[in-house]
């Protein structure tokens, strides 16, 4: 006959704790394990120095460029092949130059019917006194249209890559404040602003003159547009964005470039159609030497000048600030 154990004594036995643990009502190790806070780990300084020395030795052994045979062989082979390639290239260029026709020979390929046509019939067919302008904006106007579109596409690419969008308060979408336009410039520079007041108007006038008289002498849309673009950049540096955006903004550039390219494409499309089908054009060539002459060349010069001036200014603005 078993002896009955008191309840308090039974609760101290291992069988009671095992039964409670199996029932899930009590954890055996709960409140019975002494928890001590661990000390922060501190690596031995001597061991750390020794480990760094071992890493440096392994690095020098693996990347030993002075005694590594493969690296030395590659360097020698690279130098030899570079010299041989340069000699081969120079030899090929010398052979090509030696086979060129003599300078001034009438049978040279450059002296063909194309250049002869430009020189002899250019004034009569294009109405332009400047043979180069007549060739670029009449005979090869389709190529010039492609060049103008290349400038416009390049500007669009720069806008996509460098533009920083922001709200009216100057907060950008990237989480930081947009830098003030003239933060790193001398503010209200009297010398620069005074010089700009005297120089900018003549620059604009001269650029317009070069554009409008491109069919009468040296000049045209490309050179005149570059002059006007330089004037815009000078005005911006002198007076900042606040005053420049009163007359030239991003929308101004977009609309002017689109209208110029569209006008160019429509005008030359009409010219291509009438010329290819031998249809008489209703656009008069005028009297050679007059400002209103040479048919569509004056209009095309204006279109090219607008695109070039806006492209130059936009490139500068985007690389400088990332926004108008």
C-alpha atoms as a PDB file:
ATOM      1  CA  UNK A   1       0.000   0.000   0.000  1.00  0.00           C
ATOM      2  CA  UNK A   2       1.512   3.268  -1.189  1.00  0.00           C
ATOM      3  CA  UNK A   3       1.981   6.163   1.142  1.00  0.00           C
ATOM      4  CA  UNK A   4       0.161   9.398   0.254  1.00  0.00           C
ATOM      5  CA  UNK A   5       2.541  12.291  -0.271  1.00  0.00           C
ATOM      6  CA  UNK A   6       1.438  15.778   0.775  1.00  0.00           C
ATOM      7  CA  UNK A   7       0.516  18.146  -2.056  1.00  0.00           C
ATOM      8  CA  UNK A   8       3.277  20.680  -1.392  1.00  0.00           C
ATOM      9  CA  UNK A   9       5.915  17.982  -1.277  1.00  0.00           C
ATOM     10  CA  UNK A  10       4.512  16.411  -4.447  1.00  0.00           C
ATOM     11  CA  UNK A  11       4.755  19.740  -6.312  1.00  0.00           C
ATOM     12  CA  UNK A  12       8.493  19.792  -5.660  1.00  0.00           C
ATOM     13  CA  UNK A  13       9.055  16.412  -7.296  1.00  0.00           C
ATOM     14  CA  UNK A  14      10.358  15.910 -10.838  1.00  0.00           C
ATOM     15  CA  UNK A  15       7.327  13.867 -11.865  1.00  0.00           C
ATOM     16  CA  UNK A  16       4.990  16.740 -11.038  1.00  0.00           C
ATOM     17  CA  UNK A  17       7.055  19.238 -13.085  1.00  0.00           C
ATOM     18  CA  UNK A  18       7.227  16.750 -15.985  1.00  0.00           C
ATOM     19  CA  UNK A  19       3.461  16.341 -15.894  1.00  0.00           C
ATOM     20  CA  UNK A  20       2.936  20.122 -15.885  1.00  0.00           C
ATOM     21  CA  UNK A  21       5.373  20.533 -18.811  1.00  0.00           C
ATOM     22  CA  UNK A  22       3.612  17.840 -20.836  1.00  0.00           C
ATOM     23  CA  UNK A  23       0.274  19.538 -20.211  1.00  0.00           C
ATOM     24  CA  UNK A  24       1.762  22.862 -21.398  1.00  0.00           C
ATOM     25  CA  UNK A  25       0.838  24.729 -18.278  1.00  0.00           C
ATOM     26  CA  UNK A  26       4.371  25.428 -17.093  1.00  0.00           C
ATOM     27  CA  UNK A  27       7.898  25.680 -18.464  1.00  0.00           C
ATOM     28  CA  UNK A  28      10.511  23.797 -16.483  1.00  0.00           C
ATOM     29  CA  UNK A  29      13.326  26.272 -17.082  1.00  0.00           C
ATOM     30  CA  UNK A  30      11.150  29.353 -16.745  1.00  0.00           C
ATOM     31  CA  UNK A  31      12.383  31.623 -13.923  1.00  0.00           C
ATOM     32  CA  UNK A  32      14.989  29.002 -13.008  1.00  0.00           C
ATOM     33  CA  UNK A  33      17.842  30.190 -15.232  1.00  0.00           C
ATOM     34  CA  UNK A  34      19.980  33.066 -14.102  1.00  0.00           C
ATOM     35  CA  UNK A  35      20.265  35.673 -16.912  1.00  0.00           C
ATOM     36  CA  UNK A  36      23.321  37.915 -16.932  1.00  0.00           C
ATOM     37  CA  UNK A  37      23.835  40.787 -19.387  1.00  0.00           C
ATOM     38  CA  UNK A  38      26.631  40.082 -21.838  1.00  0.00           C
ATOM     39  CA  UNK A  39      29.559  42.401 -22.152  1.00  0.00           C
ATOM     40  CA  UNK A  40      30.093  44.145 -25.479  1.00  0.00           C
ATOM     41  CA  UNK A  41      32.474  42.274 -27.716  1.00  0.00           C
ATOM     42  CA  UNK A  42      35.936  43.776 -27.886  1.00  0.00           C
ATOM     43  CA  UNK A  43      38.399  42.280 -30.292  1.00  0.00           C
ATOM     44  CA  UNK A  44      41.969  41.966 -29.226  1.00  0.00           C
ATOM     45  CA  UNK A  45      44.014  44.751 -30.851  1.00  0.00           C
ATOM     46  CA  UNK A  46      47.094  42.583 -31.282  1.00  0.00           C
ATOM     47  CA  UNK A  47      44.978  39.884 -32.933  1.00  0.00           C
ATOM     48  CA  UNK A  48      43.403  42.501 -35.223  1.00  0.00           C
ATOM     49  CA  UNK A  49      46.823  43.818 -36.308  1.00  0.00           C
ATOM     50  CA  UNK A  50      48.069  40.302 -36.947  1.00  0.00           C
ATOM     51  CA  UNK A  51      44.985  39.510 -39.028  1.00  0.00           C
ATOM     52  CA  UNK A  52      45.473  42.627 -41.163  1.00  0.00           C
ATOM     53  CA  UNK A  53      49.091  41.646 -41.772  1.00  0.00           C
ATOM     54  CA  UNK A  54      47.987  38.219 -42.924  1.00  0.00           C
ATOM     55  CA  UNK A  55      45.388  39.728 -45.274  1.00  0.00           C
ATOM     56  CA  UNK A  56      47.995  42.082 -46.732  1.00  0.00           C
ATOM     57  CA  UNK A  57      50.405  39.200 -47.274  1.00  0.00           C
ATOM     58  CA  UNK A  58      47.738  37.156 -49.030  1.00  0.00           C
ATOM     59  CA  UNK A  59      46.797  40.162 -51.204  1.00  0.00           C
ATOM     60  CA  UNK A  60      50.417  40.787 -52.184  1.00  0.00           C
ATOM     61  CA  UNK A  61      50.897  37.113 -52.951  1.00  0.00           C
ATOM     62  CA  UNK A  62      47.789  36.844 -55.118  1.00  0.00           C
ATOM     63  CA  UNK A  63      48.215  40.204 -56.883  1.00  0.00           C
ATOM     64  CA  UNK A  64      51.961  40.166 -57.215  1.00  0.00           C
ATOM     65  CA  UNK A  65      52.205  42.021 -60.515  1.00  0.00           C
ATOM     66  CA  UNK A  66      55.987  42.226 -60.504  1.00  0.00           C
ATOM     67  CA  UNK A  67      56.829  38.539 -60.205  1.00  0.00           C
ATOM     68  CA  UNK A  68      53.645  37.096 -61.771  1.00  0.00           C
ATOM     69  CA  UNK A  69      54.649  35.459 -65.064  1.00  0.00           C
ATOM     70  CA  UNK A  70      51.244  35.737 -66.693  1.00  0.00           C
ATOM     71  CA  UNK A  71      50.959  39.454 -65.957  1.00  0.00           C
ATOM     72  CA  UNK A  72      54.469  40.155 -67.212  1.00  0.00           C
ATOM     73  CA  UNK A  73      53.839  38.174 -70.398  1.00  0.00           C
ATOM     74  CA  UNK A  74      50.558  40.031 -70.996  1.00  0.00           C
ATOM     75  CA  UNK A  75      52.234  43.416 -70.548  1.00  0.00           C
ATOM     76  CA  UNK A  76      55.032  42.608 -72.954  1.00  0.00           C
ATOM     77  CA  UNK A  77      52.636  41.155 -75.518  1.00  0.00           C
ATOM     78  CA  UNK A  78      50.368  44.205 -75.186  1.00  0.00           C
ATOM     79  CA  UNK A  79      53.223  46.606 -75.870  1.00  0.00           C
ATOM     80  CA  UNK A  80      54.490  44.620 -78.848  1.00  0.00           C
ATOM     81  CA  UNK A  81      51.023  44.298 -80.378  1.00  0.00           C
ATOM     82  CA  UNK A  82      50.342  48.020 -79.829  1.00  0.00           C
ATOM     83  CA  UNK A  83      53.515  48.975 -81.696  1.00  0.00           C
ATOM     84  CA  UNK A  84      52.762  46.532 -84.513  1.00  0.00           C
ATOM     85  CA  UNK A  85      49.198  47.831 -84.845  1.00  0.00           C
ATOM     86  CA  UNK A  86      50.378  51.459 -85.001  1.00  0.00           C
ATOM     87  CA  UNK A  87      52.970  50.588 -87.637  1.00  0.00           C
ATOM     88  CA  UNK A  88      50.363  48.704 -89.654  1.00  0.00           C
ATOM     89  CA  UNK A  89      47.939  51.638 -89.427  1.00  0.00           C
ATOM     90  CA  UNK A  90      50.609  54.145 -90.482  1.00  0.00           C
ATOM     91  CA  UNK A  91      51.605  51.898 -93.386  1.00  0.00           C
ATOM     92  CA  UNK A  92      48.015  51.599 -94.605  1.00  0.00           C
ATOM     93  CA  UNK A  93      47.529  55.374 -94.403  1.00  0.00           C
ATOM     94  CA  UNK A  94      50.744  56.004 -96.339  1.00  0.00           C
ATOM     95  CA  UNK A  95      49.686  53.550 -99.044  1.00  0.00           C
ATOM     96  CA  UNK A  96      46.262  55.220 -99.275  1.00  0.00           C
ATOM     97  CA  UNK A  97      47.815  58.686 -99.530  1.00  0.00           C
ATOM     98  CA  UNK A  98      50.298  57.547-102.191  1.00  0.00           C
ATOM     99  CA  UNK A  99      47.426  56.269-104.351  1.00  0.00           C
ATOM    100  CA  UNK A 100      45.519  59.548-104.204  1.00  0.00           C
ATOM    101  CA  UNK A 101      45.377  61.547-107.451  1.00  0.00           C
ATOM    102  CA  UNK A 102      47.629  64.554-107.728  1.00  0.00           C
ATOM    103  CA  UNK A 103      46.307  67.871-106.468  1.00  0.00           C
ATOM    104  CA  UNK A 104      44.694  70.044-109.140  1.00  0.00           C
ATOM    105  CA  UNK A 105      44.272  67.280-111.708  1.00  0.00           C
ATOM    106  CA  UNK A 106      41.187  67.862-113.851  1.00  0.00           C
ATOM    107  CA  UNK A 107      40.354  64.153-113.737  1.00  0.00           C
ATOM    108  CA  UNK A 108      40.063  64.080-109.927  1.00  0.00           C
ATOM    109  CA  UNK A 109      36.764  62.688-108.598  1.00  0.00           C
ATOM    110  CA  UNK A 110      36.045  65.977-106.847  1.00  0.00           C
ATOM    111  CA  UNK A 111      35.907  67.737-110.193  1.00  0.00           C
ATOM    112  CA  UNK A 112      32.659  66.181-111.365  1.00  0.00           C
ATOM    113  CA  UNK A 113      29.389  67.399-112.762  1.00  0.00           C
ATOM    114  CA  UNK A 114      27.891  67.979-109.306  1.00  0.00           C
ATOM    115  CA  UNK A 115      30.253  70.733-108.210  1.00  0.00           C
ATOM    116  CA  UNK A 116      30.201  72.121-111.746  1.00  0.00           C
ATOM    117  CA  UNK A 117      26.413  72.310-111.558  1.00  0.00           C
ATOM    118  CA  UNK A 118      26.555  74.129-108.212  1.00  0.00           C
ATOM    119  CA  UNK A 119      29.007  76.718-109.477  1.00  0.00           C
ATOM    120  CA  UNK A 120      27.608  77.350-112.959  1.00  0.00           C
ATOM    121  CA  UNK A 121      23.847  77.050-112.378  1.00  0.00           C
ATOM    122  CA  UNK A 122      23.531  77.700-108.642  1.00  0.00           C
ATOM    123  CA  UNK A 123      22.609  81.389-108.925  1.00  0.00           C
ATOM    124  CA  UNK A 124      20.064  80.754-111.670  1.00  0.00           C
ATOM    125  CA  UNK A 125      18.386  77.729-110.048  1.00  0.00           C
ATOM    126  CA  UNK A 126      18.405  78.797-106.399  1.00  0.00           C
ATOM    127  CA  UNK A 127      18.540  82.598-106.614  1.00  0.00           C
ATOM    128  CA  UNK A 128      21.167  82.644-103.827  1.00  0.00           C
ATOM    129  CA  UNK A 129      24.326  84.689-104.269  1.00  0.00           C
ATOM    130  CA  UNK A 130      26.043  82.527-101.638  1.00  0.00           C
ATOM    131  CA  UNK A 131      26.746  79.215-103.397  1.00  0.00           C
ATOM    132  CA  UNK A 132      27.220  77.353-100.105  1.00  0.00           C
ATOM    133  CA  UNK A 133      23.826  78.472 -98.778  1.00  0.00           C
ATOM    134  CA  UNK A 134      22.157  77.533-102.046  1.00  0.00           C
ATOM    135  CA  UNK A 135      23.732  74.101-101.890  1.00  0.00           C
ATOM    136  CA  UNK A 136      22.823  73.457 -98.230  1.00  0.00           C
ATOM    137  CA  UNK A 137      19.281  74.841 -98.217  1.00  0.00           C
ATOM    138  CA  UNK A 138      18.211  74.001-101.765  1.00  0.00           C
ATOM    139  CA  UNK A 139      20.131  71.165-103.409  1.00  0.00           C
ATOM    140  CA  UNK A 140      20.779  69.363-100.116  1.00  0.00           C
ATOM    141  CA  UNK A 141      17.951  70.816 -98.042  1.00  0.00           C
ATOM    142  CA  UNK A 142      16.660  67.377 -97.065  1.00  0.00           C
ATOM    143  CA  UNK A 143      20.010  66.625 -95.379  1.00  0.00           C
ATOM    144  CA  UNK A 144      19.848  69.938 -93.516  1.00  0.00           C
ATOM    145  CA  UNK A 145      16.346  69.066 -92.312  1.00  0.00           C
ATOM    146  CA  UNK A 146      17.776  65.855 -90.828  1.00  0.00           C
ATOM    147  CA  UNK A 147      20.542  67.810 -89.091  1.00  0.00           C
ATOM    148  CA  UNK A 148      17.996  70.180 -87.520  1.00  0.00           C
ATOM    149  CA  UNK A 149      15.984  67.225 -86.256  1.00  0.00           C
ATOM    150  CA  UNK A 150      19.151  65.716 -84.790  1.00  0.00           C
ATOM    151  CA  UNK A 151      19.671  68.907 -82.767  1.00  0.00           C
ATOM    152  CA  UNK A 152      16.069  68.820 -81.541  1.00  0.00           C
ATOM    153  CA  UNK A 153      16.286  65.134 -80.566  1.00  0.00           C
ATOM    154  CA  UNK A 154      19.590  65.746 -78.755  1.00  0.00           C
ATOM    155  CA  UNK A 155      17.954  68.529 -76.746  1.00  0.00           C
ATOM    156  CA  UNK A 156      15.010  66.283 -75.853  1.00  0.00           C
ATOM    157  CA  UNK A 157      17.458  63.620 -74.673  1.00  0.00           C
ATOM    158  CA  UNK A 158      19.295  66.102 -72.449  1.00  0.00           C
ATOM    159  CA  UNK A 159      15.956  67.265 -71.022  1.00  0.00           C
ATOM    160  CA  UNK A 160      15.005  63.667 -70.194  1.00  0.00           C
ATOM    161  CA  UNK A 161      18.348  62.854 -68.548  1.00  0.00           C
ATOM    162  CA  UNK A 162      19.110  66.071 -66.653  1.00  0.00           C
ATOM    163  CA  UNK A 163      15.777  67.691 -65.891  1.00  0.00           C
ATOM    164  CA  UNK A 164      14.820  67.955 -62.195  1.00  0.00           C
ATOM    165  CA  UNK A 165      11.065  68.174 -61.733  1.00  0.00           C
ATOM    166  CA  UNK A 166       9.803  70.265 -58.843  1.00  0.00           C
ATOM    167  CA  UNK A 167       6.774  72.123 -57.595  1.00  0.00           C
ATOM    168  CA  UNK A 168       6.249  75.876 -57.463  1.00  0.00           C
ATOM    169  CA  UNK A 169       7.987  76.122 -54.090  1.00  0.00           C
ATOM    170  CA  UNK A 170      11.201  74.609 -55.445  1.00  0.00           C
ATOM    171  CA  UNK A 171      10.821  71.188 -53.840  1.00  0.00           C
ATOM    172  CA  UNK A 172      11.983  68.481 -56.204  1.00  0.00           C
ATOM    173  CA  UNK A 173      10.447  65.058 -56.529  1.00  0.00           C
ATOM    174  CA  UNK A 174      13.673  63.497 -55.228  1.00  0.00           C
ATOM    175  CA  UNK A 175      13.230  64.808 -51.691  1.00  0.00           C
ATOM    176  CA  UNK A 176      15.581  67.788 -51.612  1.00  0.00           C
ATOM    177  CA  UNK A 177      15.364  71.489 -52.244  1.00  0.00           C
ATOM    178  CA  UNK A 178      16.427  72.697 -55.668  1.00  0.00           C
ATOM    179  CA  UNK A 179      19.497  74.915 -55.516  1.00  0.00           C
ATOM    180  CA  UNK A 180      19.053  78.606 -56.049  1.00  0.00           C
ATOM    181  CA  UNK A 181      20.030  79.723 -59.509  1.00  0.00           C
ATOM    182  CA  UNK A 182      22.864  82.083 -58.561  1.00  0.00           C
ATOM    183  CA  UNK A 183      24.067  80.427 -55.362  1.00  0.00           C
ATOM    184  CA  UNK A 184      27.630  79.971 -56.578  1.00  0.00           C
ATOM    185  CA  UNK A 185      27.860  83.132 -58.663  1.00  0.00           C
ATOM    186  CA  UNK A 186      28.667  86.750 -57.761  1.00  0.00           C
ATOM    187  CA  UNK A 187      25.242  88.256 -57.226  1.00  0.00           C
ATOM    188  CA  UNK A 188      24.490  91.530 -58.978  1.00  0.00           C
ATOM    189  CA  UNK A 189      27.933  91.823 -60.530  1.00  0.00           C
ATOM    190  CA  UNK A 190      28.015  95.430 -61.705  1.00  0.00           C
ATOM    191  CA  UNK A 191      30.774  94.871 -64.275  1.00  0.00           C
ATOM    192  CA  UNK A 192      29.097  91.837 -65.842  1.00  0.00           C
ATOM    193  CA  UNK A 193      25.651  93.394 -65.915  1.00  0.00           C
ATOM    194  CA  UNK A 194      26.910  96.687 -67.360  1.00  0.00           C
ATOM    195  CA  UNK A 195      28.857  94.874 -70.070  1.00  0.00           C
ATOM    196  CA  UNK A 196      25.820  92.693 -70.842  1.00  0.00           C
ATOM    197  CA  UNK A 197      23.578  95.752 -71.237  1.00  0.00           C
ATOM    198  CA  UNK A 198      25.934  97.088 -73.922  1.00  0.00           C
ATOM    199  CA  UNK A 199      26.821  93.780 -75.612  1.00  0.00           C
ATOM    200  CA  UNK A 200      23.612  91.731 -75.664  1.00  0.00           C
ATOM    201  CA  UNK A 201      21.572  94.008 -78.000  1.00  0.00           C
ATOM    202  CA  UNK A 202      24.356  94.217 -80.656  1.00  0.00           C
ATOM    203  CA  UNK A 203      24.861  90.448 -80.390  1.00  0.00           C
ATOM    204  CA  UNK A 204      21.166  89.806 -81.040  1.00  0.00           C
ATOM    205  CA  UNK A 205      21.086  92.301 -83.902  1.00  0.00           C
ATOM    206  CA  UNK A 206      24.218  90.860 -85.484  1.00  0.00           C
ATOM    207  CA  UNK A 207      22.874  87.293 -85.132  1.00  0.00           C
ATOM    208  CA  UNK A 208      19.614  88.298 -86.829  1.00  0.00           C
ATOM    209  CA  UNK A 209      21.607  90.012 -89.574  1.00  0.00           C
ATOM    210  CA  UNK A 210      23.694  86.880 -90.186  1.00  0.00           C
ATOM    211  CA  UNK A 211      20.536  84.746 -90.381  1.00  0.00           C
ATOM    212  CA  UNK A 212      18.682  87.083 -92.750  1.00  0.00           C
ATOM    213  CA  UNK A 213      21.660  87.690 -95.048  1.00  0.00           C
ATOM    214  CA  UNK A 214      22.862  84.087 -95.258  1.00  0.00           C
ATOM    215  CA  UNK A 215      21.814  83.849 -98.914  1.00  0.00           C
ATOM    216  CA  UNK A 216      23.660  87.065 -99.800  1.00  0.00           C
ATOM    217  CA  UNK A 217      27.033  86.365 -98.170  1.00  0.00           C
ATOM    218  CA  UNK A 218      28.796  84.326 -95.485  1.00  0.00           C
ATOM    219  CA  UNK A 219      26.399  83.294 -92.737  1.00  0.00           C
ATOM    220  CA  UNK A 220      23.082  81.531 -92.454  1.00  0.00           C
ATOM    221  CA  UNK A 221      20.912  79.826 -89.895  1.00  0.00           C
ATOM    222  CA  UNK A 222      23.619  77.778 -88.183  1.00  0.00           C
ATOM    223  CA  UNK A 223      26.108  80.590 -87.599  1.00  0.00           C
ATOM    224  CA  UNK A 224      23.454  83.231 -86.853  1.00  0.00           C
ATOM    225  CA  UNK A 225      21.639  80.890 -84.456  1.00  0.00           C
ATOM    226  CA  UNK A 226      24.895  80.226 -82.617  1.00  0.00           C
ATOM    227  CA  UNK A 227      25.427  83.976 -82.177  1.00  0.00           C
ATOM    228  CA  UNK A 228      21.899  84.495 -80.815  1.00  0.00           C
ATOM    229  CA  UNK A 229      22.328  81.510 -78.469  1.00  0.00           C
ATOM    230  CA  UNK A 230      25.561  83.020 -77.136  1.00  0.00           C
ATOM    231  CA  UNK A 231      23.713  86.279 -76.486  1.00  0.00           C
ATOM    232  CA  UNK A 232      21.022  84.444 -74.515  1.00  0.00           C
ATOM    233  CA  UNK A 233      23.662  82.689 -72.410  1.00  0.00           C
ATOM    234  CA  UNK A 234      25.429  85.990 -71.682  1.00  0.00           C
ATOM    235  CA  UNK A 235      22.149  87.609 -70.618  1.00  0.00           C
ATOM    236  CA  UNK A 236      21.376  84.649 -68.356  1.00  0.00           C
ATOM    237  CA  UNK A 237      24.755  84.799 -66.632  1.00  0.00           C
ATOM    238  CA  UNK A 238      24.405  88.524 -66.054  1.00  0.00           C
ATOM    239  CA  UNK A 239      20.799  88.781 -64.877  1.00  0.00           C
ATOM    240  CA  UNK A 240      19.747  85.248 -63.864  1.00  0.00           C
ATOM    241  CA  UNK A 241      16.722  83.123 -64.604  1.00  0.00           C
ATOM    242  CA  UNK A 242      14.129  85.479 -63.158  1.00  0.00           C
ATOM    243  CA  UNK A 243      14.624  88.092 -65.887  1.00  0.00           C
ATOM    244  CA  UNK A 244      15.499  85.673 -68.691  1.00  0.00           C
ATOM    245  CA  UNK A 245      12.304  83.680 -68.214  1.00  0.00           C
ATOM    246  CA  UNK A 246      10.248  86.778 -68.857  1.00  0.00           C
ATOM    247  CA  UNK A 247      10.789  86.224 -72.584  1.00  0.00           C
ATOM    248  CA  UNK A 248      12.376  82.762 -72.959  1.00  0.00           C
ATOM    249  CA  UNK A 249      11.180  79.666 -71.085  1.00  0.00           C
ATOM    250  CA  UNK A 250      11.098  75.949 -71.750  1.00  0.00           C
ATOM    251  CA  UNK A 251       7.683  76.257 -73.383  1.00  0.00           C
ATOM    252  CA  UNK A 252       9.014  79.047 -75.589  1.00  0.00           C
ATOM    253  CA  UNK A 253      11.791  76.781 -76.822  1.00  0.00           C
ATOM    254  CA  UNK A 254       9.499  73.800 -77.366  1.00  0.00           C
ATOM    255  CA  UNK A 255       6.912  75.772 -79.313  1.00  0.00           C
ATOM    256  CA  UNK A 256       9.432  77.751 -81.379  1.00  0.00           C
ATOM    257  CA  UNK A 257      11.461  74.649 -82.281  1.00  0.00           C
ATOM    258  CA  UNK A 258       8.358  72.679 -83.206  1.00  0.00           C
ATOM    259  CA  UNK A 259       7.004  75.499 -85.372  1.00  0.00           C
ATOM    260  CA  UNK A 260      10.402  76.024 -87.046  1.00  0.00           C
ATOM    261  CA  UNK A 261      10.859  72.328 -87.851  1.00  0.00           C
ATOM    262  CA  UNK A 262       7.265  71.992 -89.051  1.00  0.00           C
ATOM    263  CA  UNK A 263       7.603  75.083 -91.265  1.00  0.00           C
ATOM    264  CA  UNK A 264      10.882  73.757 -92.684  1.00  0.00           C
ATOM    265  CA  UNK A 265       9.400  70.313 -93.395  1.00  0.00           C
ATOM    266  CA  UNK A 266       6.246  71.686 -95.032  1.00  0.00           C
ATOM    267  CA  UNK A 267       8.133  74.239 -97.134  1.00  0.00           C
ATOM    268  CA  UNK A 268      10.686  71.752 -98.437  1.00  0.00           C
ATOM    269  CA  UNK A 269       8.036  69.083 -98.971  1.00  0.00           C
ATOM    270  CA  UNK A 270       6.358  71.465-101.388  1.00  0.00           C
ATOM    271  CA  UNK A 271       9.706  72.227-102.990  1.00  0.00           C
ATOM    272  CA  UNK A 272      10.599  68.526-103.318  1.00  0.00           C
ATOM    273  CA  UNK A 273       7.231  67.750-104.861  1.00  0.00           C
ATOM    274  CA  UNK A 274       7.357  70.528-107.423  1.00  0.00           C
ATOM    275  CA  UNK A 275      10.986  69.879-108.287  1.00  0.00           C
ATOM    276  CA  UNK A 276      10.681  66.113-108.588  1.00  0.00           C
ATOM    277  CA  UNK A 277       7.600  66.299-110.793  1.00  0.00           C
ATOM    278  CA  UNK A 278       8.784  69.268-112.877  1.00  0.00           C
ATOM    279  CA  UNK A 279       5.826  71.339-111.692  1.00  0.00           C
ATOM    280  CA  UNK A 280       6.332  75.068-111.876  1.00  0.00           C
ATOM    281  CA  UNK A 281       6.773  76.534-108.389  1.00  0.00           C
ATOM    282  CA  UNK A 282       4.711  79.607-107.543  1.00  0.00           C
ATOM    283  CA  UNK A 283       7.396  80.893-105.168  1.00  0.00           C
ATOM    284  CA  UNK A 284       9.481  83.529-107.005  1.00  0.00           C
ATOM    285  CA  UNK A 285      13.258  83.548-106.626  1.00  0.00           C
ATOM    286  CA  UNK A 286      13.379  87.336-106.787  1.00  0.00           C
ATOM    287  CA  UNK A 287      16.286  89.464-107.882  1.00  0.00           C
ATOM    288  CA  UNK A 288      19.673  88.013-106.824  1.00  0.00           C
ATOM    289  CA  UNK A 289      21.261  90.293-104.227  1.00  0.00           C
ATOM    290  CA  UNK A 290      17.983  91.540-102.708  1.00  0.00           C
ATOM    291  CA  UNK A 291      17.039  90.621 -99.149  1.00  0.00           C
ATOM    292  CA  UNK A 292      13.728  89.124-100.355  1.00  0.00           C
ATOM    293  CA  UNK A 293      15.154  86.692-102.882  1.00  0.00           C
ATOM    294  CA  UNK A 294      16.278  83.075-103.357  1.00  0.00           C
ATOM    295  CA  UNK A 295      12.801  81.625-102.880  1.00  0.00           C
ATOM    296  CA  UNK A 296      12.450  79.579 -99.692  1.00  0.00           C
ATOM    297  CA  UNK A 297      16.083  79.871 -98.589  1.00  0.00           C
ATOM    298  CA  UNK A 298      15.424  82.972 -96.433  1.00  0.00           C
ATOM    299  CA  UNK A 299      12.555  81.223 -94.613  1.00  0.00           C
ATOM    300  CA  UNK A 300      14.619  78.064 -94.118  1.00  0.00           C
ATOM    301  CA  UNK A 301      17.519  80.079 -92.703  1.00  0.00           C
ATOM    302  CA  UNK A 302      15.177  81.632 -90.135  1.00  0.00           C
ATOM    303  CA  UNK A 303      13.861  78.193 -89.142  1.00  0.00           C
ATOM    304  CA  UNK A 304      17.361  76.770 -88.731  1.00  0.00           C
ATOM    305  CA  UNK A 305      18.492  79.816 -86.733  1.00  0.00           C
ATOM    306  CA  UNK A 306      15.583  79.422 -84.281  1.00  0.00           C
ATOM    307  CA  UNK A 307      16.389  75.743 -83.700  1.00  0.00           C
ATOM    308  CA  UNK A 308      20.130  76.306 -83.248  1.00  0.00           C
ATOM    309  CA  UNK A 309      19.740  79.273 -80.862  1.00  0.00           C
ATOM    310  CA  UNK A 310      17.228  77.443 -78.678  1.00  0.00           C
ATOM    311  CA  UNK A 311      19.328  74.268 -78.643  1.00  0.00           C
ATOM    312  CA  UNK A 312      22.478  76.092 -77.503  1.00  0.00           C
ATOM    313  CA  UNK A 313      20.641  77.896 -74.708  1.00  0.00           C
ATOM    314  CA  UNK A 314      18.804  74.762 -73.563  1.00  0.00           C
ATOM    315  CA  UNK A 315      22.007  72.700 -73.432  1.00  0.00           C
ATOM    316  CA  UNK A 316      23.650  75.339 -71.254  1.00  0.00           C
ATOM    317  CA  UNK A 317      20.671  75.640 -68.907  1.00  0.00           C
ATOM    318  CA  UNK A 318      20.263  71.888 -68.421  1.00  0.00           C
ATOM    319  CA  UNK A 319      23.941  71.250 -67.708  1.00  0.00           C
ATOM    320  CA  UNK A 320      24.050  74.218 -65.361  1.00  0.00           C
ATOM    321  CA  UNK A 321      20.931  73.727 -63.254  1.00  0.00           C
ATOM    322  CA  UNK A 322      18.860  70.819 -64.554  1.00  0.00           C
ATOM    323  CA  UNK A 323      15.796  73.015 -65.017  1.00  0.00           C
ATOM    324  CA  UNK A 324      14.637  76.287 -66.554  1.00  0.00           C
END
